[in-house]
């Protein structure tokens, strides 16, 4: 019997970006039209497509050896798991999402204290109750099955919901009173699986590939010919290590360097002005 790890992949808002990261990391995943078994082209990984809200508890109970879920759901479910690494992405890109407390713009609720005796709708009931207790406010907290932002003021007084851009809040005439939690995606492991030498190494190898892929999302490589006499000034443009190769018989060098993608638009004109030639920018698949 082949050794395997059982891995939970998040279904829903995290699904597309997670599958994109796996694909760029070198994995091919087939998603069935029905069911939750995933076909992964790694015989040592058995994949399951599950709601991120469920994954932390399944990992804790050993139904999964490892899984990908948000910090929010790990805290909400109070799952006792090993946090292997922060994958740093949220729904559609590399950044944290916010869980915010919001009320209608014309609401008389101006601060957290004004929530006394009011009703709040949210998906993270446990975390909101902890938040209220910390602020010494007694209010009713209702579980929301979705479309949370449409409920105030007709059905509830306030909501705690997740936001990326804030466009939905604006569309529903809501304002933010406070940020309750910042959350990003985590790779987690079962504590007993983490004690197993082979499973731990397999999870660590997976971590290396995923983190390298995510890191490359922010970076590009620049390759160019640089005049040897200006190398010191040119290499000072780059914070990370730079590979330099002398071109035989000439006063030029081949240079290979990495930089943030958003920085390349400023760096390329500078390099050109300093005499660099044949400048090529290309995207990275992994940066390890």
C-alpha atoms as a PDB file:
ATOM      1  CA  UNK A   1       0.000   0.000   0.000  1.00  0.00           C
ATOM      2  CA  UNK A   2       1.421   3.366  -1.098  1.00  0.00           C
ATOM      3  CA  UNK A   3       1.994   6.086   1.451  1.00  0.00           C
ATOM      4  CA  UNK A   4      -0.390   9.003   1.129  1.00  0.00           C
ATOM      5  CA  UNK A   5      -1.422  12.196   2.811  1.00  0.00           C
ATOM      6  CA  UNK A   6      -5.092  13.215   2.845  1.00  0.00           C
ATOM      7  CA  UNK A   7      -5.314  16.880   1.847  1.00  0.00           C
ATOM      8  CA  UNK A   8      -8.282  19.255   2.131  1.00  0.00           C
ATOM      9  CA  UNK A   9      -8.643  21.834  -0.664  1.00  0.00           C
ATOM     10  CA  UNK A  10     -11.080  24.710   0.055  1.00  0.00           C
ATOM     11  CA  UNK A  11     -14.283  24.889  -1.979  1.00  0.00           C
ATOM     12  CA  UNK A  12     -15.969  28.200  -2.698  1.00  0.00           C
ATOM     13  CA  UNK A  13     -14.340  31.634  -2.635  1.00  0.00           C
ATOM     14  CA  UNK A  14     -10.818  30.263  -2.067  1.00  0.00           C
ATOM     15  CA  UNK A  15     -11.158  27.475  -4.615  1.00  0.00           C
ATOM     16  CA  UNK A  16     -10.078  29.104  -7.886  1.00  0.00           C
ATOM     17  CA  UNK A  17      -7.000  30.825  -6.515  1.00  0.00           C
ATOM     18  CA  UNK A  18      -5.938  27.706  -4.590  1.00  0.00           C
ATOM     19  CA  UNK A  19      -6.187  25.567  -7.738  1.00  0.00           C
ATOM     20  CA  UNK A  20      -4.240  28.216  -9.659  1.00  0.00           C
ATOM     21  CA  UNK A  21      -1.431  28.101  -7.086  1.00  0.00           C
ATOM     22  CA  UNK A  22      -1.318  24.290  -7.217  1.00  0.00           C
ATOM     23  CA  UNK A  23      -1.195  24.332 -11.013  1.00  0.00           C
ATOM     24  CA  UNK A  24       1.693  26.801 -11.039  1.00  0.00           C
ATOM     25  CA  UNK A  25       3.416  24.693  -8.395  1.00  0.00           C
ATOM     26  CA  UNK A  26       3.380  21.780 -10.845  1.00  0.00           C
ATOM     27  CA  UNK A  27       0.260  19.841  -9.852  1.00  0.00           C
ATOM     28  CA  UNK A  28      -2.576  18.886 -12.162  1.00  0.00           C
ATOM     29  CA  UNK A  29      -5.944  18.608 -10.393  1.00  0.00           C
ATOM     30  CA  UNK A  30      -9.189  17.335 -11.905  1.00  0.00           C
ATOM     31  CA  UNK A  31     -12.403  18.479 -10.231  1.00  0.00           C
ATOM     32  CA  UNK A  32     -15.358  16.103 -10.526  1.00  0.00           C
ATOM     33  CA  UNK A  33     -18.761  17.512 -11.469  1.00  0.00           C
ATOM     34  CA  UNK A  34     -20.167  15.880  -8.345  1.00  0.00           C
ATOM     35  CA  UNK A  35     -18.581  14.605  -5.176  1.00  0.00           C
ATOM     36  CA  UNK A  36     -15.570  15.853  -3.301  1.00  0.00           C
ATOM     37  CA  UNK A  37     -12.747  13.487  -4.360  1.00  0.00           C
ATOM     38  CA  UNK A  38     -10.056  15.282  -6.368  1.00  0.00           C
ATOM     39  CA  UNK A  39      -7.782  13.630  -8.904  1.00  0.00           C
ATOM     40  CA  UNK A  40      -4.246  14.892  -8.292  1.00  0.00           C
ATOM     41  CA  UNK A  41      -1.334  13.741 -10.459  1.00  0.00           C
ATOM     42  CA  UNK A  42       0.677  12.928  -7.347  1.00  0.00           C
ATOM     43  CA  UNK A  43       0.005   9.367  -6.138  1.00  0.00           C
ATOM     44  CA  UNK A  44       1.106  10.388  -2.641  1.00  0.00           C
ATOM     45  CA  UNK A  45      -1.665  12.989  -2.234  1.00  0.00           C
ATOM     46  CA  UNK A  46      -5.351  12.160  -1.837  1.00  0.00           C
ATOM     47  CA  UNK A  47      -7.341  15.344  -2.323  1.00  0.00           C
ATOM     48  CA  UNK A  48     -10.769  16.342  -1.050  1.00  0.00           C
ATOM     49  CA  UNK A  49     -12.727  19.452  -2.025  1.00  0.00           C
ATOM     50  CA  UNK A  50     -14.417  20.740   1.136  1.00  0.00           C
ATOM     51  CA  UNK A  51     -15.790  23.957   2.568  1.00  0.00           C
ATOM     52  CA  UNK A  52     -13.012  25.903   4.335  1.00  0.00           C
ATOM     53  CA  UNK A  53     -15.250  26.119   7.402  1.00  0.00           C
ATOM     54  CA  UNK A  54     -15.067  22.312   7.722  1.00  0.00           C
ATOM     55  CA  UNK A  55     -11.407  21.701   6.978  1.00  0.00           C
ATOM     56  CA  UNK A  56      -9.877  22.761  10.352  1.00  0.00           C
ATOM     57  CA  UNK A  57     -12.044  20.327  12.343  1.00  0.00           C
ATOM     58  CA  UNK A  58     -11.425  17.476   9.896  1.00  0.00           C
ATOM     59  CA  UNK A  59      -7.690  18.131  10.226  1.00  0.00           C
ATOM     60  CA  UNK A  60      -7.942  18.223  14.018  1.00  0.00           C
ATOM     61  CA  UNK A  61      -9.822  14.898  14.090  1.00  0.00           C
ATOM     62  CA  UNK A  62      -7.369  13.215  11.702  1.00  0.00           C
ATOM     63  CA  UNK A  63      -9.895  12.805   8.893  1.00  0.00           C
ATOM     64  CA  UNK A  64      -7.372  14.893   6.940  1.00  0.00           C
ATOM     65  CA  UNK A  65      -3.602  14.961   7.422  1.00  0.00           C
ATOM     66  CA  UNK A  66      -3.372  18.530   6.133  1.00  0.00           C
ATOM     67  CA  UNK A  67      -5.592  21.188   4.671  1.00  0.00           C
ATOM     68  CA  UNK A  68      -5.900  24.745   3.458  1.00  0.00           C
ATOM     69  CA  UNK A  69      -8.268  27.099   5.253  1.00  0.00           C
ATOM     70  CA  UNK A  70      -8.476  30.661   6.468  1.00  0.00           C
ATOM     71  CA  UNK A  71      -7.200  31.910   9.792  1.00  0.00           C
ATOM     72  CA  UNK A  72     -10.785  33.028  10.445  1.00  0.00           C
ATOM     73  CA  UNK A  73     -12.188  29.488  10.266  1.00  0.00           C
ATOM     74  CA  UNK A  74      -9.352  28.017  12.309  1.00  0.00           C
ATOM     75  CA  UNK A  75     -10.167  30.478  15.090  1.00  0.00           C
ATOM     76  CA  UNK A  76     -13.946  30.220  14.675  1.00  0.00           C
ATOM     77  CA  UNK A  77     -13.953  26.407  14.942  1.00  0.00           C
ATOM     78  CA  UNK A  78     -11.351  26.459  17.750  1.00  0.00           C
ATOM     79  CA  UNK A  79      -9.539  23.645  15.952  1.00  0.00           C
ATOM     80  CA  UNK A  80      -6.332  22.391  17.543  1.00  0.00           C
ATOM     81  CA  UNK A  81      -4.033  22.024  14.552  1.00  0.00           C
ATOM     82  CA  UNK A  82      -0.444  22.674  13.533  1.00  0.00           C
ATOM     83  CA  UNK A  83      -0.132  25.878  11.517  1.00  0.00           C
ATOM     84  CA  UNK A  84       2.527  24.922   8.983  1.00  0.00           C
ATOM     85  CA  UNK A  85       2.707  28.216   7.096  1.00  0.00           C
ATOM     86  CA  UNK A  86       0.858  31.353   6.054  1.00  0.00           C
ATOM     87  CA  UNK A  87       0.094  31.181   2.340  1.00  0.00           C
ATOM     88  CA  UNK A  88      -0.720  34.908   2.430  1.00  0.00           C
ATOM     89  CA  UNK A  89      -3.572  34.900  -0.071  1.00  0.00           C
ATOM     90  CA  UNK A  90      -7.291  35.459   0.289  1.00  0.00           C
ATOM     91  CA  UNK A  91     -10.084  35.110  -2.277  1.00  0.00           C
ATOM     92  CA  UNK A  92      -8.493  36.376  -5.470  1.00  0.00           C
ATOM     93  CA  UNK A  93      -4.964  37.554  -4.752  1.00  0.00           C
ATOM     94  CA  UNK A  94      -2.159  37.855  -2.248  1.00  0.00           C
ATOM     95  CA  UNK A  95      -3.503  39.928   0.623  1.00  0.00           C
ATOM     96  CA  UNK A  96      -5.472  39.648   3.830  1.00  0.00           C
ATOM     97  CA  UNK A  97      -9.229  40.023   4.046  1.00  0.00           C
ATOM     98  CA  UNK A  98     -11.018  41.914   6.795  1.00  0.00           C
ATOM     99  CA  UNK A  99     -13.902  40.847   8.972  1.00  0.00           C
ATOM    100  CA  UNK A 100     -15.622  44.118   9.768  1.00  0.00           C
ATOM    101  CA  UNK A 101     -18.474  45.335  11.932  1.00  0.00           C
ATOM    102  CA  UNK A 102     -20.866  47.406   9.818  1.00  0.00           C
ATOM    103  CA  UNK A 103     -24.179  49.232  10.223  1.00  0.00           C
ATOM    104  CA  UNK A 104     -26.392  51.295   7.901  1.00  0.00           C
ATOM    105  CA  UNK A 105     -24.996  54.756   7.221  1.00  0.00           C
ATOM    106  CA  UNK A 106     -28.019  56.408   8.798  1.00  0.00           C
ATOM    107  CA  UNK A 107     -27.993  54.132  11.876  1.00  0.00           C
ATOM    108  CA  UNK A 108     -27.994  55.621  15.361  1.00  0.00           C
ATOM    109  CA  UNK A 109     -25.300  53.066  16.241  1.00  0.00           C
ATOM    110  CA  UNK A 110     -22.116  55.123  16.308  1.00  0.00           C
ATOM    111  CA  UNK A 111     -19.809  52.901  18.363  1.00  0.00           C
ATOM    112  CA  UNK A 112     -19.421  49.371  19.697  1.00  0.00           C
ATOM    113  CA  UNK A 113     -21.103  50.369  22.967  1.00  0.00           C
ATOM    114  CA  UNK A 114     -24.292  51.260  21.057  1.00  0.00           C
ATOM    115  CA  UNK A 115     -24.701  47.583  20.135  1.00  0.00           C
ATOM    116  CA  UNK A 116     -26.067  46.793  23.602  1.00  0.00           C
ATOM    117  CA  UNK A 117     -29.310  44.842  23.193  1.00  0.00           C
ATOM    118  CA  UNK A 118     -29.035  44.890  19.388  1.00  0.00           C
ATOM    119  CA  UNK A 119     -28.939  41.982  16.902  1.00  0.00           C
ATOM    120  CA  UNK A 120     -25.877  41.155  14.817  1.00  0.00           C
ATOM    121  CA  UNK A 121     -25.818  38.774  11.851  1.00  0.00           C
ATOM    122  CA  UNK A 122     -22.598  36.942  10.928  1.00  0.00           C
ATOM    123  CA  UNK A 123     -21.014  33.661   9.861  1.00  0.00           C
ATOM    124  CA  UNK A 124     -18.361  33.852  12.612  1.00  0.00           C
ATOM    125  CA  UNK A 125     -20.656  33.639  15.618  1.00  0.00           C
ATOM    126  CA  UNK A 126     -18.020  32.468  18.119  1.00  0.00           C
ATOM    127  CA  UNK A 127     -15.517  35.178  17.180  1.00  0.00           C
ATOM    128  CA  UNK A 128     -18.164  37.901  17.392  1.00  0.00           C
ATOM    129  CA  UNK A 129     -19.242  36.701  20.838  1.00  0.00           C
ATOM    130  CA  UNK A 130     -15.603  36.843  21.967  1.00  0.00           C
ATOM    131  CA  UNK A 131     -15.314  40.335  20.480  1.00  0.00           C
ATOM    132  CA  UNK A 132     -18.437  41.535  22.305  1.00  0.00           C
ATOM    133  CA  UNK A 133     -17.303  40.034  25.588  1.00  0.00           C
ATOM    134  CA  UNK A 134     -13.929  41.729  25.247  1.00  0.00           C
ATOM    135  CA  UNK A 135     -15.705  45.060  24.779  1.00  0.00           C
ATOM    136  CA  UNK A 136     -18.192  44.312  27.602  1.00  0.00           C
ATOM    137  CA  UNK A 137     -21.231  44.568  25.346  1.00  0.00           C
ATOM    138  CA  UNK A 138     -24.250  42.249  25.489  1.00  0.00           C
ATOM    139  CA  UNK A 139     -25.940  41.744  22.132  1.00  0.00           C
ATOM    140  CA  UNK A 140     -27.698  38.966  20.245  1.00  0.00           C
ATOM    141  CA  UNK A 141     -25.583  37.202  17.611  1.00  0.00           C
ATOM    142  CA  UNK A 142     -27.360  35.305  14.824  1.00  0.00           C
ATOM    143  CA  UNK A 143     -25.765  32.927  12.341  1.00  0.00           C
ATOM    144  CA  UNK A 144     -26.011  34.114   8.756  1.00  0.00           C
ATOM    145  CA  UNK A 145     -26.442  31.569   5.984  1.00  0.00           C
ATOM    146  CA  UNK A 146     -25.258  34.093   3.394  1.00  0.00           C
ATOM    147  CA  UNK A 147     -26.119  37.447   1.805  1.00  0.00           C
ATOM    148  CA  UNK A 148     -25.284  39.024   5.152  1.00  0.00           C
ATOM    149  CA  UNK A 149     -24.906  42.552   3.790  1.00  0.00           C
ATOM    150  CA  UNK A 150     -28.557  42.772   2.685  1.00  0.00           C
ATOM    151  CA  UNK A 151     -30.008  42.181   6.153  1.00  0.00           C
ATOM    152  CA  UNK A 152     -29.613  45.577   7.890  1.00  0.00           C
ATOM    153  CA  UNK A 153     -31.690  47.428   8.858  1.00  0.00           C
ATOM    154  CA  UNK A 154     -34.839  45.417   8.142  1.00  0.00           C
ATOM    155  CA  UNK A 155     -33.784  42.119   9.774  1.00  0.00           C
ATOM    156  CA  UNK A 156     -30.809  42.994  12.004  1.00  0.00           C
ATOM    157  CA  UNK A 157     -29.141  46.064  13.436  1.00  0.00           C
ATOM    158  CA  UNK A 158     -25.577  45.285  12.416  1.00  0.00           C
ATOM    159  CA  UNK A 159     -23.440  42.711  10.630  1.00  0.00           C
ATOM    160  CA  UNK A 160     -19.969  41.272  10.856  1.00  0.00           C
ATOM    161  CA  UNK A 161     -18.901  40.281   7.372  1.00  0.00           C
ATOM    162  CA  UNK A 162     -15.777  39.700   5.320  1.00  0.00           C
ATOM    163  CA  UNK A 163     -14.659  42.355   2.828  1.00  0.00           C
ATOM    164  CA  UNK A 164     -11.969  42.594   0.176  1.00  0.00           C
ATOM    165  CA  UNK A 165     -12.764  45.801  -1.702  1.00  0.00           C
ATOM    166  CA  UNK A 166     -15.700  47.230   0.250  1.00  0.00           C
ATOM    167  CA  UNK A 167     -17.791  47.563  -2.921  1.00  0.00           C
ATOM    168  CA  UNK A 168     -20.624  45.426  -1.541  1.00  0.00           C
ATOM    169  CA  UNK A 169     -20.843  47.537   1.628  1.00  0.00           C
ATOM    170  CA  UNK A 170     -21.061  50.701  -0.425  1.00  0.00           C
ATOM    171  CA  UNK A 171     -23.730  49.191  -2.671  1.00  0.00           C
ATOM    172  CA  UNK A 172     -25.870  48.364   0.373  1.00  0.00           C
ATOM    173  CA  UNK A 173     -25.334  51.746   2.050  1.00  0.00           C
ATOM    174  CA  UNK A 174     -23.331  50.373   4.986  1.00  0.00           C
ATOM    175  CA  UNK A 175     -20.475  51.917   6.951  1.00  0.00           C
ATOM    176  CA  UNK A 176     -17.679  50.239   8.894  1.00  0.00           C
ATOM    177  CA  UNK A 177     -17.530  50.709  12.656  1.00  0.00           C
ATOM    178  CA  UNK A 178     -14.580  48.450  13.410  1.00  0.00           C
ATOM    179  CA  UNK A 179     -12.292  45.725  12.058  1.00  0.00           C
ATOM    180  CA  UNK A 180     -12.624  42.527  14.073  1.00  0.00           C
ATOM    181  CA  UNK A 181     -10.096  40.294  12.345  1.00  0.00           C
ATOM    182  CA  UNK A 182      -7.537  40.200   9.530  1.00  0.00           C
ATOM    183  CA  UNK A 183      -7.387  36.809   7.872  1.00  0.00           C
ATOM    184  CA  UNK A 184      -5.318  35.027   5.232  1.00  0.00           C
ATOM    185  CA  UNK A 185      -5.031  31.436   4.070  1.00  0.00           C
ATOM    186  CA  UNK A 186      -3.071  28.895   6.117  1.00  0.00           C
ATOM    187  CA  UNK A 187      -1.705  25.436   5.451  1.00  0.00           C
ATOM    188  CA  UNK A 188      -2.469  23.375   8.532  1.00  0.00           C
ATOM    189  CA  UNK A 189      -1.651  19.828   9.643  1.00  0.00           C
ATOM    190  CA  UNK A 190      -2.958  17.237  12.049  1.00  0.00           C
ATOM    191  CA  UNK A 191      -0.697  17.035  15.127  1.00  0.00           C
ATOM    192  CA  UNK A 192      -0.250  13.257  14.821  1.00  0.00           C
ATOM    193  CA  UNK A 193       0.443  13.430  11.076  1.00  0.00           C
ATOM    194  CA  UNK A 194       3.054  16.091  11.862  1.00  0.00           C
ATOM    195  CA  UNK A 195       4.770  13.620  14.189  1.00  0.00           C
ATOM    196  CA  UNK A 196       4.962  10.999  11.424  1.00  0.00           C
ATOM    197  CA  UNK A 197       8.341  11.411   9.706  1.00  0.00           C
ATOM    198  CA  UNK A 198       7.188  10.612   6.154  1.00  0.00           C
ATOM    199  CA  UNK A 199       3.967  12.630   6.345  1.00  0.00           C
ATOM    200  CA  UNK A 200       5.751  15.608   7.846  1.00  0.00           C
ATOM    201  CA  UNK A 201       8.351  15.588   5.061  1.00  0.00           C
ATOM    202  CA  UNK A 202       5.649  15.300   2.401  1.00  0.00           C
ATOM    203  CA  UNK A 203       3.744  18.240   3.881  1.00  0.00           C
ATOM    204  CA  UNK A 204       6.960  20.267   4.137  1.00  0.00           C
ATOM    205  CA  UNK A 205       7.779  19.525   0.488  1.00  0.00           C
ATOM    206  CA  UNK A 206       4.298  20.680  -0.501  1.00  0.00           C
ATOM    207  CA  UNK A 207       4.761  23.808   1.609  1.00  0.00           C
ATOM    208  CA  UNK A 208       8.034  24.616  -0.163  1.00  0.00           C
ATOM    209  CA  UNK A 209       6.407  24.406  -3.593  1.00  0.00           C
ATOM    210  CA  UNK A 210       3.320  26.407  -2.644  1.00  0.00           C
ATOM    211  CA  UNK A 211       5.261  29.155  -0.874  1.00  0.00           C
ATOM    212  CA  UNK A 212       7.724  29.375  -3.758  1.00  0.00           C
ATOM    213  CA  UNK A 213       4.851  29.745  -6.205  1.00  0.00           C
ATOM    214  CA  UNK A 214       3.137  32.425  -4.127  1.00  0.00           C
ATOM    215  CA  UNK A 215       6.400  34.331  -3.700  1.00  0.00           C
ATOM    216  CA  UNK A 216       6.869  34.320  -7.468  1.00  0.00           C
ATOM    217  CA  UNK A 217       3.467  35.996  -7.925  1.00  0.00           C
ATOM    218  CA  UNK A 218       4.959  39.248  -6.675  1.00  0.00           C
ATOM    219  CA  UNK A 219       8.320  38.945  -8.456  1.00  0.00           C
ATOM    220  CA  UNK A 220       9.763  39.100 -11.969  1.00  0.00           C
ATOM    221  CA  UNK A 221      13.238  38.396 -13.302  1.00  0.00           C
ATOM    222  CA  UNK A 222      15.262  40.859 -15.325  1.00  0.00           C
ATOM    223  CA  UNK A 223      18.055  39.658 -17.593  1.00  0.00           C
ATOM    224  CA  UNK A 224      20.311  42.137 -19.377  1.00  0.00           C
ATOM    225  CA  UNK A 225      23.815  43.065 -20.542  1.00  0.00           C
ATOM    226  CA  UNK A 226      25.459  45.651 -18.286  1.00  0.00           C
ATOM    227  CA  UNK A 227      28.636  47.703 -18.766  1.00  0.00           C
ATOM    228  CA  UNK A 228      31.234  46.326 -16.349  1.00  0.00           C
ATOM    229  CA  UNK A 229      32.353  49.765 -15.116  1.00  0.00           C
ATOM    230  CA  UNK A 230      28.825  50.538 -13.843  1.00  0.00           C
ATOM    231  CA  UNK A 231      28.090  47.195 -12.176  1.00  0.00           C
ATOM    232  CA  UNK A 232      28.220  48.463  -8.586  1.00  0.00           C
ATOM    233  CA  UNK A 233      25.642  51.179  -9.195  1.00  0.00           C
ATOM    234  CA  UNK A 234      23.430  48.829 -11.215  1.00  0.00           C
ATOM    235  CA  UNK A 235      23.413  46.039  -8.625  1.00  0.00           C
ATOM    236  CA  UNK A 236      22.471  48.551  -5.909  1.00  0.00           C
ATOM    237  CA  UNK A 237      19.071  48.835  -7.584  1.00  0.00           C
ATOM    238  CA  UNK A 238      18.250  45.289  -6.470  1.00  0.00           C
ATOM    239  CA  UNK A 239      17.650  44.249  -2.862  1.00  0.00           C
ATOM    240  CA  UNK A 240      17.984  40.520  -3.479  1.00  0.00           C
ATOM    241  CA  UNK A 241      20.998  38.598  -4.766  1.00  0.00           C
ATOM    242  CA  UNK A 242      22.130  39.241  -8.336  1.00  0.00           C
ATOM    243  CA  UNK A 243      23.823  36.706 -10.631  1.00  0.00           C
ATOM    244  CA  UNK A 244      26.649  38.191 -12.728  1.00  0.00           C
ATOM    245  CA  UNK A 245      28.639  36.513 -15.505  1.00  0.00           C
ATOM    246  CA  UNK A 246      31.566  38.182 -17.293  1.00  0.00           C
ATOM    247  CA  UNK A 247      31.327  38.112 -21.074  1.00  0.00           C
ATOM    248  CA  UNK A 248      34.699  36.827 -22.286  1.00  0.00           C
ATOM    249  CA  UNK A 249      36.855  39.362 -24.070  1.00  0.00           C
ATOM    250  CA  UNK A 250      34.471  42.248 -23.510  1.00  0.00           C
ATOM    251  CA  UNK A 251      33.816  44.943 -20.909  1.00  0.00           C
ATOM    252  CA  UNK A 252      30.263  43.674 -20.426  1.00  0.00           C
ATOM    253  CA  UNK A 253      28.521  41.311 -18.056  1.00  0.00           C
ATOM    254  CA  UNK A 254      25.372  39.221 -18.194  1.00  0.00           C
ATOM    255  CA  UNK A 255      23.164  40.071 -15.220  1.00  0.00           C
ATOM    256  CA  UNK A 256      20.203  38.128 -13.839  1.00  0.00           C
ATOM    257  CA  UNK A 257      18.208  39.739 -11.020  1.00  0.00           C
ATOM    258  CA  UNK A 258      14.812  39.560  -9.338  1.00  0.00           C
ATOM    259  CA  UNK A 259      12.603  42.450  -8.346  1.00  0.00           C
ATOM    260  CA  UNK A 260       8.990  43.145  -7.465  1.00  0.00           C
ATOM    261  CA  UNK A 261       6.828  43.241 -10.556  1.00  0.00           C
ATOM    262  CA  UNK A 262       5.559  46.729  -9.771  1.00  0.00           C
ATOM    263  CA  UNK A 263       9.161  48.003  -9.475  1.00  0.00           C
ATOM    264  CA  UNK A 264      10.273  46.867 -12.936  1.00  0.00           C
ATOM    265  CA  UNK A 265       8.568  49.785 -14.687  1.00  0.00           C
ATOM    266  CA  UNK A 266      10.900  52.178 -12.853  1.00  0.00           C
ATOM    267  CA  UNK A 267      13.994  49.980 -12.992  1.00  0.00           C
ATOM    268  CA  UNK A 268      13.991  49.255 -16.729  1.00  0.00           C
ATOM    269  CA  UNK A 269      14.265  52.932 -17.818  1.00  0.00           C
ATOM    270  CA  UNK A 270      17.033  53.468 -15.220  1.00  0.00           C
ATOM    271  CA  UNK A 271      18.968  50.456 -16.490  1.00  0.00           C
ATOM    272  CA  UNK A 272      18.632  51.670 -20.064  1.00  0.00           C
ATOM    273  CA  UNK A 273      19.922  55.131 -19.148  1.00  0.00           C
ATOM    274  CA  UNK A 274      22.966  53.527 -17.523  1.00  0.00           C
ATOM    275  CA  UNK A 275      23.850  51.771 -20.749  1.00  0.00           C
ATOM    276  CA  UNK A 276      22.306  48.350 -20.192  1.00  0.00           C
ATOM    277  CA  UNK A 277      21.233  46.492 -23.312  1.00  0.00           C
ATOM    278  CA  UNK A 278      18.984  43.587 -24.333  1.00  0.00           C
ATOM    279  CA  UNK A 279      16.800  43.933 -21.221  1.00  0.00           C
ATOM    280  CA  UNK A 280      14.345  41.049 -20.879  1.00  0.00           C
ATOM    281  CA  UNK A 281      11.636  40.746 -18.217  1.00  0.00           C
ATOM    282  CA  UNK A 282       9.889  37.455 -17.569  1.00  0.00           C
ATOM    283  CA  UNK A 283       7.498  36.040 -15.023  1.00  0.00           C
ATOM    284  CA  UNK A 284       8.505  33.431 -12.468  1.00  0.00           C
ATOM    285  CA  UNK A 285       6.725  30.152 -11.793  1.00  0.00           C
ATOM    286  CA  UNK A 286       8.505  29.549  -8.489  1.00  0.00           C
ATOM    287  CA  UNK A 287      10.906  31.531  -6.353  1.00  0.00           C
ATOM    288  CA  UNK A 288      12.578  29.344  -3.741  1.00  0.00           C
END
